[in-house]
Amino acid sequence: MVTENGLAKDPELAQKIDKAVFPGVQGGPHMENVAALAVALAEAEKPEFKSYAAQVVKNAVVLADELKKLGFKLMSGGTWNHMVWIDLSDEIIDGWTLAWGLEYAGIIANRQTVPTEKRSAYYPSGLRIGTPAVTTRGMKEAEMKQIAVWISLAKDIIEKSVKNKYQNIGSKNKEEDQMARKAFKLEMKNNKELLKIGLEVKELCRKFPIPV
């Protein structure tokens, strides 16, 4: 990896590469990682894990299908794994606003860039939703349909708020953008409609406690 041309530009190149590998990358062993990997592999060998993994995918497919029926645009048109990837490229809201609004409604999702992203990595055009956590709690297809409805209701509330009050979100003027986002978060945190959805989400979660 270290050539004469490279050394001519930087005589310490070899030492820098060595330090990047160790202790930079291989500064272990980290026994907590070894233990975690051993536990994960032991779990993956069990027949129950195969059933669980299959249910994770079933839940994701149902969630994706329901979101499409409710008017959401999805990357790749759906899903074949644990993840549902919403594309908001043509929407007035971005992944940041939808993620925060959903959080105040009791639903956790992650903002996510999309191919040919026109916004930014921090305020992207996508939203990523996964089904492993709810599947671990024992939720199945019926619950995914209800979750899709909640996501759609929350999105409508968020869109209405952005359209009517916070048009400066996404503004090229950074100060205007940040002021609008700050005010938006404060309003969403206290939005009665989102809080109502949050109470319904909590009620559902009580029926499916986290396994211990």
Protein backbone atom coordinates (compact mmCIF):
# COMPACT_ATOMS: atom_id res chain seq x y z
CA MET A 1 0.00 0.00 0.00
CA VAL A 2 2.95 2.31 0.60
CA THR A 3 4.59 3.30 -2.69
CA GLU A 4 7.66 5.38 -3.42
CA ASN A 5 5.44 8.17 -4.67
CA GLY A 6 3.46 8.03 -1.44
CA LEU A 7 6.59 8.14 0.71
CA ALA A 8 7.93 11.03 -1.32
CA LYS A 9 4.83 13.03 -0.40
CA ASP A 10 4.76 11.85 3.22
CA PRO A 11 7.75 9.98 4.72
CA GLU A 12 5.60 8.97 7.72
CA LEU A 13 2.89 7.37 5.58
CA ALA A 14 3.72 3.79 6.60
CA GLN A 15 3.65 4.63 10.31
CA LYS A 16 0.34 6.45 9.92
CA ILE A 17 -1.24 3.43 8.22
CA ASP A 18 0.10 1.12 10.94
CA LYS A 19 -1.33 3.34 13.68
CA ALA A 20 -4.68 3.52 11.89
CA VAL A 21 -4.86 -0.28 11.93
CA PHE A 22 -3.51 -0.68 15.47
CA PRO A 23 -4.58 0.66 17.88
CA GLY A 24 -7.05 2.57 15.67
CA VAL A 25 -9.07 -0.38 14.38
CA GLN A 26 -7.67 -3.51 16.00
CA GLY A 27 -7.04 -2.15 19.48
CA GLY A 28 -8.73 -5.09 21.20
CA PRO A 29 -9.79 -7.70 21.76
CA HIS A 30 -13.01 -6.18 23.12
CA MET A 31 -14.44 -9.04 25.14
CA GLU A 32 -17.88 -7.45 25.38
CA ASN A 33 -18.11 -7.63 21.57
CA VAL A 34 -16.91 -11.24 21.57
CA ALA A 35 -19.51 -12.13 24.21
CA ALA A 36 -22.28 -10.31 22.32
CA LEU A 37 -21.40 -12.13 19.10
CA ALA A 38 -21.44 -15.50 20.90
CA VAL A 39 -24.89 -14.76 22.36
CA ALA A 40 -26.21 -13.59 18.98
CA LEU A 41 -24.95 -16.72 17.21
CA ALA A 42 -26.46 -18.95 19.92
CA GLU A 43 -29.82 -17.18 19.49
CA ALA A 44 -29.67 -17.48 15.70
CA GLU A 45 -29.30 -21.27 15.99
CA LYS A 46 -32.66 -21.65 17.73
CA PRO A 47 -35.80 -22.57 15.72
CA GLU A 48 -37.65 -19.74 17.49
CA PHE A 49 -35.31 -17.22 15.93
CA LYS A 50 -36.20 -18.45 12.44
CA SER A 51 -39.89 -17.94 13.21
CA TYR A 52 -39.18 -14.53 14.72
CA ALA A 53 -37.16 -13.40 11.70
CA ALA A 54 -39.93 -14.54 9.35
CA GLN A 55 -42.49 -12.57 11.36
CA VAL A 56 -40.28 -9.48 11.24
CA VAL A 57 -40.42 -9.59 7.44
CA LYS A 58 -44.16 -10.33 7.38
CA ASN A 59 -44.78 -7.33 9.61
CA ALA A 60 -42.63 -5.07 7.45
CA VAL A 61 -44.42 -6.17 4.26
CA VAL A 62 -47.85 -5.52 5.79
CA LEU A 63 -46.75 -2.15 7.16
CA ALA A 64 -45.37 -1.17 3.74
CA ASP A 65 -48.52 -2.29 1.93
CA GLU A 66 -50.77 -0.37 4.31
CA LEU A 67 -48.67 2.78 4.02
CA LYS A 68 -48.89 2.57 0.23
CA LYS A 69 -52.69 2.30 0.46
CA LEU A 70 -52.64 5.45 2.58
CA GLY A 71 -50.76 7.36 -0.10
CA PHE A 72 -47.14 7.01 1.00
CA LYS A 73 -44.40 6.69 -1.60
CA LEU A 74 -41.88 3.98 -0.70
CA MET A 75 -38.39 3.39 -2.00
CA SER A 76 -38.33 0.27 -4.21
CA GLY A 77 -42.12 0.19 -4.01
CA GLY A 78 -42.18 -1.91 -0.83
CA THR A 79 -39.89 -4.12 1.21
CA TRP A 80 -38.42 -7.62 1.34
CA ASN A 81 -36.70 -7.30 4.70
CA HIS A 82 -37.17 -5.66 8.11
CA MET A 83 -37.14 -2.07 6.88
CA VAL A 84 -39.70 0.28 5.34
CA TRP A 85 -38.19 3.29 3.61
CA ILE A 86 -40.53 6.25 3.02
CA ASP A 87 -39.68 8.71 0.24
CA LEU A 88 -40.71 12.30 0.96
CA SER A 89 -38.89 13.88 -1.99
CA ASP A 90 -42.12 15.30 -3.42
CA GLU A 91 -43.59 16.33 -0.06
CA ILE A 92 -43.51 19.70 1.71
CA ILE A 93 -42.15 17.98 4.83
CA ASP A 94 -38.80 16.25 5.16
CA GLY A 95 -37.60 13.24 7.14
CA TRP A 96 -36.56 15.44 10.05
CA THR A 97 -40.00 16.97 10.57
CA LEU A 98 -41.83 13.66 10.17
CA ALA A 99 -39.44 11.86 12.53
CA TRP A 100 -39.88 14.46 15.28
CA GLY A 101 -43.63 14.61 14.87
CA LEU A 102 -43.89 10.83 15.06
CA GLU A 103 -41.71 10.76 18.16
CA TYR A 104 -44.13 13.05 19.97
CA ALA A 105 -46.87 10.65 18.86
CA GLY A 106 -44.98 7.77 20.48
CA ILE A 107 -43.57 6.27 17.27
CA ILE A 108 -39.81 6.20 16.79
CA ALA A 109 -38.38 6.35 13.26
CA ASN A 110 -35.13 7.55 11.70
CA ARG A 111 -34.58 10.26 9.11
CA GLN A 112 -32.86 8.80 6.06
CA THR A 113 -31.38 10.11 2.84
CA VAL A 114 -32.78 8.81 -0.45
CA PRO A 115 -31.04 8.22 -3.80
CA THR A 116 -30.51 11.49 -5.67
CA GLU A 117 -31.08 13.35 -2.40
CA LYS A 118 -32.02 16.99 -3.05
CA ARG A 119 -32.06 18.14 0.56
CA SER A 120 -29.25 17.29 3.00
CA ALA A 121 -28.01 14.40 5.11
CA TYR A 122 -29.22 16.08 8.30
CA TYR A 123 -32.59 17.16 6.90
CA PRO A 124 -33.12 14.40 4.32
CA SER A 125 -36.06 13.38 2.15
CA GLY A 126 -36.55 9.94 3.64
CA LEU A 127 -37.75 8.18 6.75
CA ARG A 128 -36.71 4.68 7.84
CA ILE A 129 -39.01 2.44 9.90
CA GLY A 130 -38.08 -1.00 11.21
CA THR A 131 -40.25 -3.84 12.55
CA PRO A 132 -37.86 -5.92 14.75
CA ALA A 133 -38.67 -4.02 17.97
CA VAL A 134 -42.45 -4.34 17.69
CA THR A 135 -42.10 -7.97 16.57
CA THR A 136 -40.02 -8.70 19.66
CA ARG A 137 -42.96 -7.45 21.72
CA GLY A 138 -45.23 -9.95 19.96
CA MET A 139 -47.04 -7.65 17.54
CA LYS A 140 -48.21 -9.10 14.23
CA GLU A 141 -49.99 -8.09 11.06
CA ALA A 142 -53.07 -6.57 12.68
CA GLU A 143 -50.94 -4.23 14.77
CA MET A 144 -48.94 -3.17 11.70
CA LYS A 145 -52.14 -1.99 10.06
CA GLN A 146 -52.97 0.15 13.09
CA ILE A 147 -49.43 1.57 13.20
CA ALA A 148 -49.74 2.56 9.54
CA VAL A 149 -52.94 4.46 10.31
CA TRP A 150 -51.24 6.31 13.17
CA ILE A 151 -48.28 7.23 10.96
CA SER A 152 -50.65 8.58 8.32
CA LEU A 153 -52.67 10.60 10.84
CA ALA A 154 -49.49 12.06 12.34
CA LYS A 155 -48.17 12.94 8.88
CA ASP A 156 -51.37 14.85 8.09
CA ILE A 157 -51.05 16.83 11.33
CA ILE A 158 -47.39 17.61 10.66
CA GLU A 159 -48.00 18.62 7.03
CA LYS A 160 -50.83 20.94 8.01
CA SER A 161 -48.65 22.63 10.62
CA VAL A 162 -45.69 23.09 8.27
CA LYS A 163 -47.90 24.39 5.47
CA ASN A 164 -49.77 26.89 7.63
CA LYS A 165 -47.10 28.09 10.07
CA TYR A 166 -43.61 26.90 9.23
CA GLN A 167 -43.06 27.50 5.53
CA ASN A 168 -39.51 28.62 6.36
CA ILE A 169 -38.52 25.05 7.16
CA GLY A 170 -36.13 24.17 4.36
CA SER A 171 -35.39 27.80 3.58
CA LYS A 172 -32.01 28.56 2.03
CA ASN A 173 -31.64 31.18 4.75
CA LYS A 174 -30.20 29.04 7.57
CA GLU A 175 -31.33 31.37 10.34
CA GLU A 176 -34.93 31.34 9.10
CA ASP A 177 -34.80 27.57 8.69
CA GLN A 178 -33.47 26.97 12.21
CA MET A 179 -35.95 29.35 13.84
CA ALA A 180 -38.84 27.64 12.06
CA ARG A 181 -37.62 24.17 13.03
CA LYS A 182 -37.21 25.17 16.68
CA ALA A 183 -40.73 26.59 16.82
CA PHE A 184 -42.09 23.54 14.99
CA LYS A 185 -40.58 21.10 17.51
CA LEU A 186 -42.01 23.06 20.42
CA GLU A 187 -45.50 23.06 18.92
CA MET A 188 -45.38 19.36 18.00
CA LYS A 189 -44.25 18.48 21.53
CA ASN A 190 -47.48 20.00 22.86
CA ASN A 191 -49.79 19.15 19.97
CA LYS A 192 -52.98 17.64 21.42
CA GLU A 193 -53.69 15.51 18.35
CA LEU A 194 -50.22 13.96 18.40
CA LEU A 195 -50.41 13.43 22.16
CA LYS A 196 -53.76 11.63 21.67
CA ILE A 197 -52.11 9.27 19.18
CA GLY A 198 -49.31 8.80 21.70
CA LEU A 199 -51.78 7.66 24.35
CA GLU A 200 -53.23 5.12 21.93
CA VAL A 201 -49.73 3.90 21.11
CA LYS A 202 -48.98 3.44 24.82
CA GLU A 203 -52.20 1.50 25.29
CA LEU A 204 -51.21 -0.87 22.49
CA CYS A 205 -47.73 -1.30 23.94
CA ARG A 206 -49.19 -2.22 27.33
CA LYS A 207 -50.84 -5.20 25.63
CA PHE A 208 -47.45 -6.26 24.27
CA PRO A 209 -44.88 -5.78 27.07
CA ILE A 210 -41.16 -6.09 26.36
CA PRO A 211 -40.03 -9.69 27.01
CA VAL A 212 -37.66 -10.17 29.93
